[in-house]
Protein backbone atom coordinates (compact mmCIF):
# COMPACT_ATOMS: atom_id res chain seq x y z
CA MET A 1 196.58 -121.50 -225.38
CA LYS A 2 198.34 -124.04 -227.57
CA THR A 3 200.22 -125.34 -224.54
CA THR A 4 196.96 -125.72 -222.62
CA SER A 5 195.36 -127.55 -225.54
CA ILE A 6 198.26 -130.00 -225.74
CA ARG A 7 198.08 -130.66 -222.01
CA ILE A 8 194.35 -131.41 -222.27
CA LYS A 9 194.91 -133.74 -225.24
CA ILE A 10 197.64 -135.69 -223.43
CA GLY A 11 195.40 -135.94 -220.38
CA ILE A 12 192.55 -137.38 -222.50
CA LEU A 13 194.99 -139.72 -224.26
CA ASN A 14 196.16 -141.16 -220.93
CA PHE A 15 192.63 -141.34 -219.48
CA LEU A 16 191.39 -143.45 -222.39
CA GLU A 17 194.56 -145.55 -222.68
CA PHE A 18 194.54 -146.77 -219.10
CA GLY A 19 190.75 -146.69 -218.83
CA ALA A 20 190.64 -149.30 -221.59
CA TRP A 21 193.15 -151.44 -219.69
CA GLY A 22 191.54 -150.98 -216.27
CA ALA A 23 188.18 -152.25 -217.56
CA TRP A 24 189.51 -155.83 -217.52
CA LEU A 25 193.04 -156.07 -216.09
CA ILE A 26 192.06 -156.50 -212.43
CA SER A 27 188.69 -158.22 -212.87
CA LEU A 28 189.46 -160.64 -215.72
CA GLY A 29 190.85 -163.22 -213.29
CA SER A 30 187.56 -163.26 -211.35
CA TYR A 31 185.59 -163.69 -214.59
CA LEU A 32 187.82 -166.51 -215.81
CA GLY A 33 188.00 -168.30 -212.47
CA GLY A 34 184.47 -167.56 -211.28
CA LYS A 35 182.05 -167.74 -214.19
CA LEU A 36 184.21 -169.81 -216.57
CA GLY A 37 185.82 -172.01 -213.89
CA PHE A 38 189.43 -171.84 -215.08
CA THR A 39 192.27 -173.01 -212.78
CA PRO A 40 194.95 -170.68 -211.27
CA VAL A 41 197.51 -171.90 -213.81
CA GLN A 42 195.08 -171.25 -216.68
CA ILE A 43 194.29 -167.79 -215.30
CA GLY A 44 198.02 -167.12 -214.98
CA SER A 45 198.46 -168.12 -218.61
CA PHE A 46 196.07 -165.35 -219.70
CA TYR A 47 198.07 -162.74 -217.82
CA ALA A 48 201.24 -164.25 -219.26
CA LEU A 49 199.86 -163.33 -222.68
CA GLN A 50 200.78 -159.75 -221.90
CA GLY A 51 204.31 -160.97 -221.40
CA ILE A 52 204.32 -162.88 -224.68
CA ALA A 53 203.04 -159.83 -226.54
CA SER A 54 205.46 -157.46 -224.82
CA ILE A 55 208.50 -159.54 -225.70
CA PHE A 56 208.41 -158.37 -229.30
CA MET A 57 205.36 -156.24 -230.16
CA PRO A 58 206.28 -152.95 -228.38
CA THR A 59 209.74 -153.07 -229.95
CA LEU A 60 208.34 -154.00 -233.37
CA MET A 61 205.70 -151.25 -233.30
CA GLY A 62 208.31 -148.83 -231.96
CA ILE A 63 210.53 -149.61 -234.96
CA VAL A 64 207.58 -149.06 -237.30
CA ALA A 65 206.88 -145.72 -235.59
CA ASP A 66 210.53 -144.66 -235.76
CA ARG A 67 211.06 -145.68 -239.40
CA TRP A 68 207.89 -145.97 -241.47
CA MET A 69 204.66 -144.68 -239.94
CA GLN A 70 203.97 -141.78 -237.57
CA ALA A 71 203.65 -143.00 -233.98
CA GLN A 72 200.17 -141.54 -233.41
CA LYS A 73 198.87 -143.48 -236.44
CA VAL A 74 200.45 -146.74 -235.30
CA PHE A 75 198.93 -146.08 -231.87
CA GLY A 76 195.43 -145.60 -233.33
CA LEU A 77 195.56 -148.67 -235.59
CA CYS A 78 196.69 -150.86 -232.70
CA HIS A 79 193.66 -149.78 -230.67
CA PHE A 80 191.24 -150.53 -233.50
CA LEU A 81 192.62 -154.08 -233.73
CA THR A 82 192.60 -154.48 -229.93
CA ALA A 83 188.90 -153.61 -229.84
CA ALA A 84 188.07 -156.16 -232.53
CA PHE A 85 189.78 -159.01 -230.66
CA LEU A 86 188.20 -158.04 -227.31
CA VAL A 87 184.74 -158.20 -228.82
CA GLY A 88 185.58 -161.61 -230.26
CA ALA A 89 186.84 -162.82 -226.86
CA SER A 90 183.62 -161.70 -225.16
CA PHE A 91 181.61 -164.33 -227.09
CA MET A 92 183.95 -167.23 -226.19
CA THR A 93 183.58 -169.42 -223.11
CA SER A 94 186.06 -172.30 -223.54
CA TYR A 95 189.77 -171.97 -222.80
CA ALA A 96 190.73 -173.04 -226.33
CA ALA A 97 188.46 -170.41 -227.89
CA ILE A 98 189.02 -167.39 -225.66
CA TYR A 99 192.81 -167.80 -225.40
CA PRO A 100 193.69 -166.89 -229.03
CA MET A 101 191.25 -163.96 -228.96
CA MET A 102 192.82 -162.50 -225.83
CA LEU A 103 196.24 -163.14 -227.35
CA GLY A 104 195.25 -161.03 -230.36
CA ALA A 105 193.92 -158.27 -228.09
CA VAL A 106 197.08 -158.01 -225.99
CA LEU A 107 199.36 -158.35 -229.03
CA PHE A 108 198.06 -155.01 -230.24
CA PHE A 109 197.31 -153.37 -226.88
CA MET A 110 200.68 -153.82 -225.15
CA PRO A 111 202.62 -151.73 -227.73
CA THR A 112 200.25 -148.82 -227.10
CA ILE A 113 201.59 -148.33 -223.56
CA ALA A 114 205.04 -147.42 -224.89
CA LEU A 115 203.55 -145.57 -227.87
CA ASN A 116 201.40 -143.56 -225.47
CA ASN A 117 204.63 -142.28 -223.90
CA THR A 118 206.19 -141.56 -227.30
CA VAL A 119 203.13 -139.64 -228.57
CA GLY A 120 202.85 -137.71 -225.30
CA TYR A 121 206.55 -136.82 -225.14
CA ASN A 122 206.50 -135.66 -228.77
CA ALA A 123 203.49 -133.42 -228.15
CA LEU A 124 205.26 -131.80 -225.18
CA TYR A 125 208.46 -131.26 -227.15
CA ALA A 126 206.38 -129.66 -229.93
CA VAL A 127 205.28 -126.80 -227.63
CA GLY A 128 208.60 -126.46 -225.81
CA LEU A 129 207.72 -128.35 -222.62
CA ASP A 130 209.93 -130.76 -220.65
CA PRO A 131 208.57 -134.35 -220.40
CA VAL A 132 210.43 -135.01 -217.12
CA LYS A 133 208.64 -132.12 -215.44
CA ASP A 134 205.39 -131.91 -217.40
CA PHE A 135 204.48 -135.50 -218.31
CA PRO A 136 204.00 -137.08 -214.84
CA PRO A 137 201.13 -134.74 -213.80
CA LEU A 138 199.39 -135.49 -217.12
CA ARG A 139 200.01 -139.22 -216.71
CA VAL A 140 197.86 -138.99 -213.56
CA TRP A 141 194.82 -138.86 -215.85
CA GLY A 142 195.72 -142.36 -217.01
CA THR A 143 195.43 -143.61 -213.46
CA ILE A 144 192.14 -141.74 -213.02
CA GLY A 145 190.86 -143.47 -216.16
CA PHE A 146 192.00 -146.84 -214.80
CA ILE A 147 190.16 -146.20 -211.52
CA ALA A 148 187.02 -144.98 -213.28
CA SER A 149 186.85 -148.18 -215.35
CA MET A 150 187.47 -150.39 -212.31
CA TRP A 151 184.70 -148.69 -210.36
CA ALA A 152 182.31 -148.87 -213.30
CA VAL A 153 182.96 -152.59 -213.71
CA ASP A 154 182.52 -153.21 -209.97
CA LEU A 155 179.44 -151.06 -209.35
CA LEU A 156 177.65 -152.21 -212.50
CA GLY A 157 178.26 -155.85 -211.62
CA PHE A 158 180.54 -156.62 -214.58
CA SER A 159 183.50 -158.01 -212.58
CA GLN A 160 182.47 -161.59 -213.39
CA SER A 161 180.92 -160.81 -216.77
CA HIS A 162 182.13 -160.59 -220.36
CA VAL A 163 180.67 -157.06 -220.51
CA GLN A 164 183.95 -155.75 -219.07
CA LEU A 165 185.52 -156.65 -222.43
CA TRP A 166 182.88 -154.65 -224.30
CA LEU A 167 183.61 -151.61 -222.14
CA SER A 168 187.33 -151.90 -222.87
CA ALA A 169 186.68 -152.32 -226.61
CA GLY A 170 184.48 -149.22 -226.69
CA LEU A 171 187.14 -147.10 -225.02
CA SER A 172 189.77 -148.44 -227.44
CA VAL A 173 187.69 -147.40 -230.44
CA ILE A 174 187.23 -143.88 -229.05
CA LEU A 175 190.95 -143.65 -228.35
CA ALA A 176 191.86 -144.95 -231.81
CA ILE A 177 189.90 -142.10 -233.39
CA PHE A 178 191.26 -139.53 -230.94
CA ALA A 179 194.88 -140.59 -231.58
CA PHE A 180 194.72 -139.21 -235.13
CA THR A 181 194.15 -135.70 -233.70
CA MET A 182 197.48 -135.72 -231.84
CA PRO A 183 200.53 -133.80 -233.17
CA LYS A 184 202.41 -135.64 -235.90
CA CYS A 185 205.38 -137.63 -234.65
CA PRO A 186 208.59 -137.50 -236.70
CA VAL A 187 209.63 -140.47 -238.81
CA LYS A 188 213.26 -141.00 -239.70
CA PRO A 189 213.30 -142.60 -243.18
CA VAL A 190 215.78 -145.31 -244.07
CA SER A 191 218.74 -143.96 -246.07
CA GLY A 192 221.26 -145.78 -248.20
CA GLU A 193 224.14 -144.68 -245.94
CA GLN A 194 222.75 -146.47 -242.90
CA SER A 195 223.93 -149.86 -241.70
CA LEU A 196 221.66 -152.90 -241.98
CA VAL A 197 220.93 -152.67 -238.22
CA GLU A 198 219.86 -149.03 -238.61
CA LYS A 199 217.78 -149.80 -241.71
CA LEU A 200 215.88 -152.50 -239.83
CA GLY A 201 215.32 -150.16 -236.88
CA LEU A 202 217.25 -152.40 -234.49
CA LYS A 203 219.63 -149.73 -233.20
CA ALA A 204 217.80 -149.61 -229.85
CA PHE A 205 219.16 -153.09 -229.08
CA SER A 206 222.68 -151.64 -229.17
CA LEU A 207 221.79 -150.10 -225.81
CA PHE A 208 222.63 -153.49 -224.31
CA LYS A 209 226.27 -152.80 -225.19
CA GLU A 210 226.28 -150.03 -222.59
CA LYS A 211 226.88 -151.55 -219.16
CA LYS A 212 224.63 -149.01 -217.44
CA MET A 213 221.70 -149.68 -219.77
CA ALA A 214 222.22 -153.45 -219.83
CA ILE A 215 222.08 -153.65 -216.04
CA PHE A 216 219.05 -151.35 -216.01
CA PHE A 217 217.18 -153.55 -218.51
CA ILE A 218 218.08 -156.76 -216.66
CA PHE A 219 216.71 -155.42 -213.39
CA SER A 220 213.69 -154.08 -215.28
CA MET A 221 212.97 -157.66 -216.30
CA LEU A 222 213.50 -159.03 -212.78
CA LEU A 223 211.25 -156.43 -211.20
CA GLY A 224 208.79 -156.79 -214.06
CA MET A 225 208.12 -160.29 -212.72
CA CYS A 226 206.33 -158.61 -209.80
CA LEU A 227 204.04 -156.44 -211.91
CA GLN A 228 201.37 -158.94 -212.91
CA VAL A 229 201.23 -160.96 -209.68
CA THR A 230 198.67 -158.82 -207.88
CA ASN A 231 196.86 -158.00 -211.14
CA THR A 232 196.42 -161.74 -211.66
CA PHE A 233 195.53 -162.93 -208.18
CA ALA A 234 194.66 -160.08 -205.78
CA ASP A 235 190.97 -159.85 -206.69
CA GLY A 236 190.36 -163.59 -206.58
CA TYR A 237 192.39 -163.89 -203.36
CA ILE A 238 190.34 -161.25 -201.53
CA LYS A 239 187.07 -162.71 -202.85
CA SER A 240 188.13 -166.16 -201.57
CA PHE A 241 187.74 -164.90 -197.99
CA GLY A 242 183.99 -164.96 -198.68
CA GLU A 243 184.12 -168.74 -198.27
CA GLN A 244 184.47 -168.08 -194.54
CA GLU A 245 181.25 -166.95 -192.88
CA ILE A 246 183.00 -164.32 -190.75
CA TYR A 247 184.08 -162.40 -193.87
CA GLN A 248 181.11 -162.93 -196.21
CA ASN A 249 179.49 -159.52 -195.70
CA THR A 250 182.65 -157.43 -195.45
CA PHE A 251 183.13 -154.55 -197.90
CA GLY A 252 186.40 -156.07 -199.13
CA VAL A 253 184.78 -159.31 -200.23
CA LYS A 254 181.67 -157.70 -201.71
CA HIS A 255 183.57 -154.92 -203.49
CA SER A 256 187.09 -156.28 -203.84
CA VAL A 257 187.68 -154.38 -207.10
CA MET A 258 186.90 -151.08 -205.39
CA LEU A 259 189.22 -152.00 -202.50
CA ILE A 260 192.00 -152.77 -204.97
CA SER A 261 191.31 -149.45 -206.72
CA LEU A 262 192.94 -147.76 -203.70
CA SER A 263 196.15 -148.93 -205.38
CA GLN A 264 195.39 -146.81 -208.42
CA ILE A 265 194.34 -143.83 -206.30
CA SER A 266 197.69 -144.06 -204.54
CA GLU A 267 199.35 -144.41 -207.95
CA ALA A 268 197.73 -141.17 -209.13
CA LEU A 269 199.10 -139.28 -206.12
CA CYS A 270 202.56 -140.85 -206.27
CA ILE A 271 203.01 -139.87 -209.93
CA LEU A 272 203.05 -136.24 -208.80
CA LEU A 273 206.01 -137.00 -206.51
CA ILE A 274 208.23 -138.42 -209.27
CA PRO A 275 209.80 -135.16 -210.58
CA PHE A 276 210.76 -134.15 -207.03
CA PHE A 277 212.13 -137.57 -206.10
CA LEU A 278 214.13 -137.87 -209.33
CA ARG A 279 215.73 -134.46 -208.80
CA LYS A 280 216.34 -135.09 -205.11
CA PHE A 281 217.49 -138.71 -205.08
CA GLY A 282 218.22 -139.80 -208.67
CA ILE A 283 217.04 -142.85 -210.61
CA LYS A 284 218.86 -145.47 -208.52
CA LYS A 285 217.36 -144.50 -205.18
CA VAL A 286 213.91 -143.96 -206.70
CA MET A 287 213.91 -147.46 -208.23
CA LEU A 288 215.30 -148.93 -205.02
CA ILE A 289 212.41 -147.36 -203.10
CA SER A 290 210.08 -149.05 -205.59
CA MET A 291 211.61 -152.47 -204.95
CA VAL A 292 211.35 -152.14 -201.17
CA ALA A 293 207.73 -151.04 -201.62
CA TRP A 294 207.02 -154.31 -203.46
CA VAL A 295 208.24 -156.21 -200.39
CA PHE A 296 205.64 -154.45 -198.24
CA ARG A 297 202.97 -154.76 -200.95
CA PHE A 298 203.19 -158.56 -200.97
CA GLY A 299 203.89 -159.05 -197.26
CA LEU A 300 200.86 -157.01 -196.18
CA LEU A 301 198.57 -158.90 -198.58
CA GLY A 302 199.69 -162.14 -196.97
CA SER A 303 199.17 -160.85 -193.42
CA GLY A 304 195.83 -159.05 -193.87
CA ASN A 305 192.20 -160.05 -194.17
CA PRO A 306 188.92 -158.25 -195.07
CA GLY A 307 187.86 -158.15 -191.39
CA PRO A 308 190.02 -156.93 -188.47
CA GLY A 309 193.11 -157.09 -190.68
CA VAL A 310 191.68 -154.94 -193.46
CA TRP A 311 194.03 -152.11 -192.46
CA MET A 312 196.93 -154.22 -193.80
CA PHE A 313 195.14 -154.59 -197.13
CA ILE A 314 194.60 -150.83 -197.22
CA ILE A 315 198.27 -150.07 -196.51
CA SER A 316 199.25 -152.62 -199.17
CA MET A 317 197.10 -150.76 -201.69
CA ILE A 318 198.64 -147.42 -200.71
CA VAL A 319 202.17 -148.81 -200.98
CA TYR A 320 201.40 -150.01 -204.51
CA GLY A 321 201.48 -146.42 -205.79
CA VAL A 322 205.15 -146.15 -204.85
CA ALA A 323 205.94 -149.70 -206.00
CA PHE A 324 204.46 -149.19 -209.47
CA ASP A 325 205.13 -145.52 -210.28
CA PHE A 326 208.65 -145.22 -208.95
CA PHE A 327 209.61 -148.07 -211.26
CA ASN A 328 207.44 -147.81 -214.37
CA ILE A 329 207.09 -144.06 -214.84
CA SER A 330 210.60 -143.20 -213.67
CA GLY A 331 212.03 -146.00 -215.78
CA ALA A 332 210.31 -144.73 -218.93
CA LEU A 333 211.59 -141.20 -218.27
CA PHE A 334 215.09 -142.58 -217.66
CA VAL A 335 215.02 -144.38 -221.04
CA GLU A 336 213.75 -141.19 -222.71
CA GLN A 337 216.64 -139.16 -221.30
CA GLU A 338 219.37 -141.71 -221.86
CA THR A 339 218.66 -142.53 -225.53
CA GLU A 340 218.89 -140.63 -228.79
CA LYS A 341 215.68 -139.09 -230.13
CA SER A 342 216.00 -141.07 -233.38
CA ILE A 343 215.40 -144.34 -231.48
CA SER A 344 213.07 -142.99 -228.80
CA ALA A 345 210.03 -145.12 -229.68
CA SER A 346 211.97 -148.34 -230.18
CA ALA A 347 213.95 -147.76 -226.94
CA GLN A 348 210.65 -147.47 -225.05
CA GLY A 349 209.66 -150.70 -226.76
CA VAL A 350 212.78 -152.43 -225.44
CA PHE A 351 211.93 -151.24 -221.92
CA MET A 352 208.41 -152.64 -222.34
CA MET A 353 209.86 -155.87 -223.72
CA MET A 354 211.95 -156.40 -220.60
CA THR A 355 209.32 -155.41 -218.01
CA ASN A 356 205.91 -156.36 -219.40
CA GLY A 357 207.45 -158.88 -221.79
CA PHE A 358 210.02 -161.28 -220.37
CA GLY A 359 209.39 -160.16 -216.80
CA ALA A 360 205.60 -160.45 -216.86
CA PHE A 361 205.65 -163.70 -218.87
CA ILE A 362 208.00 -165.48 -216.49
CA GLY A 363 206.36 -163.91 -213.44
CA SER A 364 202.79 -164.85 -214.41
CA TYR A 365 203.57 -168.52 -215.00
CA ALA A 366 205.88 -168.78 -211.97
CA ALA A 367 203.28 -167.15 -209.73
CA GLY A 368 200.58 -169.51 -211.00
CA PHE A 369 202.65 -172.57 -210.14
CA ILE A 370 203.65 -171.15 -206.74
CA VAL A 371 200.01 -170.46 -205.86
CA ASP A 372 199.00 -173.97 -206.96
CA TYR A 373 201.81 -175.60 -204.98
CA VAL A 374 202.08 -173.41 -201.86
CA GLY A 375 198.64 -171.81 -201.63
CA TRP A 376 197.55 -168.68 -199.77
CA PRO A 377 198.79 -166.75 -197.89
CA ASN A 378 202.30 -168.26 -198.01
CA SER A 379 202.64 -167.42 -201.70
CA TRP A 380 202.60 -163.71 -200.85
CA TYR A 381 205.55 -164.18 -198.50
CA ILE A 382 207.53 -165.93 -201.24
CA PHE A 383 206.84 -163.01 -203.59
CA ALA A 384 207.91 -160.55 -200.86
CA GLY A 385 211.18 -162.43 -200.31
CA TYR A 386 211.89 -162.37 -204.04
CA ALA A 387 211.39 -158.58 -204.20
CA LEU A 388 213.75 -158.14 -201.24
CA VAL A 389 216.51 -160.13 -202.96
CA ILE A 390 216.12 -158.04 -206.13
CA ALA A 391 216.37 -154.82 -204.08
CA VAL A 392 219.63 -155.91 -202.44
CA LEU A 393 221.19 -156.96 -205.76
CA PHE A 394 220.08 -153.71 -207.45
CA ALA A 395 221.67 -151.64 -204.67
CA ILE A 396 224.96 -153.47 -205.24
CA PHE A 397 225.17 -153.65 -209.04
CA PHE A 398 223.38 -150.65 -210.56
CA LYS A 399 225.46 -147.46 -210.87
CA ALA A 400 223.57 -144.19 -211.20
CA PRO A 401 224.17 -142.35 -214.54
CA SER A 402 226.27 -139.21 -214.42
CA THR A 403 225.30 -137.73 -217.79
CA LYS A 404 222.14 -137.20 -219.83
CA VAL A 405 221.66 -137.42 -223.59
CA GLU A 406 220.71 -134.12 -225.17
CA LYS A 407 217.65 -134.39 -227.40
CA ALA A 408 218.24 -133.27 -230.96
């Protein structure tokens, strides 16, 4: 019964976590560009905020959770602060006013993605379950939450309204309260015998001394540059077809957010495949599959349209499940297995720093300039070519690990 209760709690945790994110992540670009009239570069700068926040905040909050405050409490406090900034952002209309509010929101939200993993893994360990086998099926509820929020925003007509920020804030408050009901996460106090690096909680950065982990983190950053591209521009791109009379009444143009939600439906299904693929093929091949999937994701977006070519959009959405999950979820599990338990939270923070931090920051700004300079659909082909180069280099340079760290 206790095992069942923990599974339910982790499912709810993930549903609310990614539901709060899904309420605005895909549709914010349409709100900023449509109702507020911001340029592609300005829109890209908002998505780059997630990169700025992820460069240091997940690692910093991970250190706090490892050393000074239980992870579930850090998680809850971050969501309370996120909600406050989102509400503030909802009342702003100028770039200068809304930008710092959204910065505050993502500064405290981005660490919760890694902390969500830490809290979930700890809860599974507490009842004798294996995160590699038992976490992915529970993580599916996060994707379901993401989809539910996207559909709610689309069907209720909030995709170009500030109300999407209110919805996200409300879910964050509920999650903040719920987080305090999760099992207590261990804290390793600072002792006088520890080195200065250990006292400051910076031991996770020593992972860069290991060639295997250094290469993994570098490619995490390079692939992380792909993550925010479609989040930033896919919705606005599909809506732009409505400027042509032939596409104005197509489902894709009228309900672009729902069309894009096929990506998250695919993601939910692909999560269930991760334990099998990791056992069968190992981390290198699984991540390589992800990189090749990104090539198809971008290429199909460039080739499709909401009319006769909508099938290419649909396949692109389906492919996204493999592109996202086989990298993000498998990567987080890889970090969990390859690092000591004493630095588990901060190691997840480093992974977030490289992917959603440096990767997303560079990728968001670069994509914005490419779109401004090259335009659609050629920008998608440039993104596809980039993903292909990364896949080839990863196949050459990354060596699959032969051992696993035992959790103590």
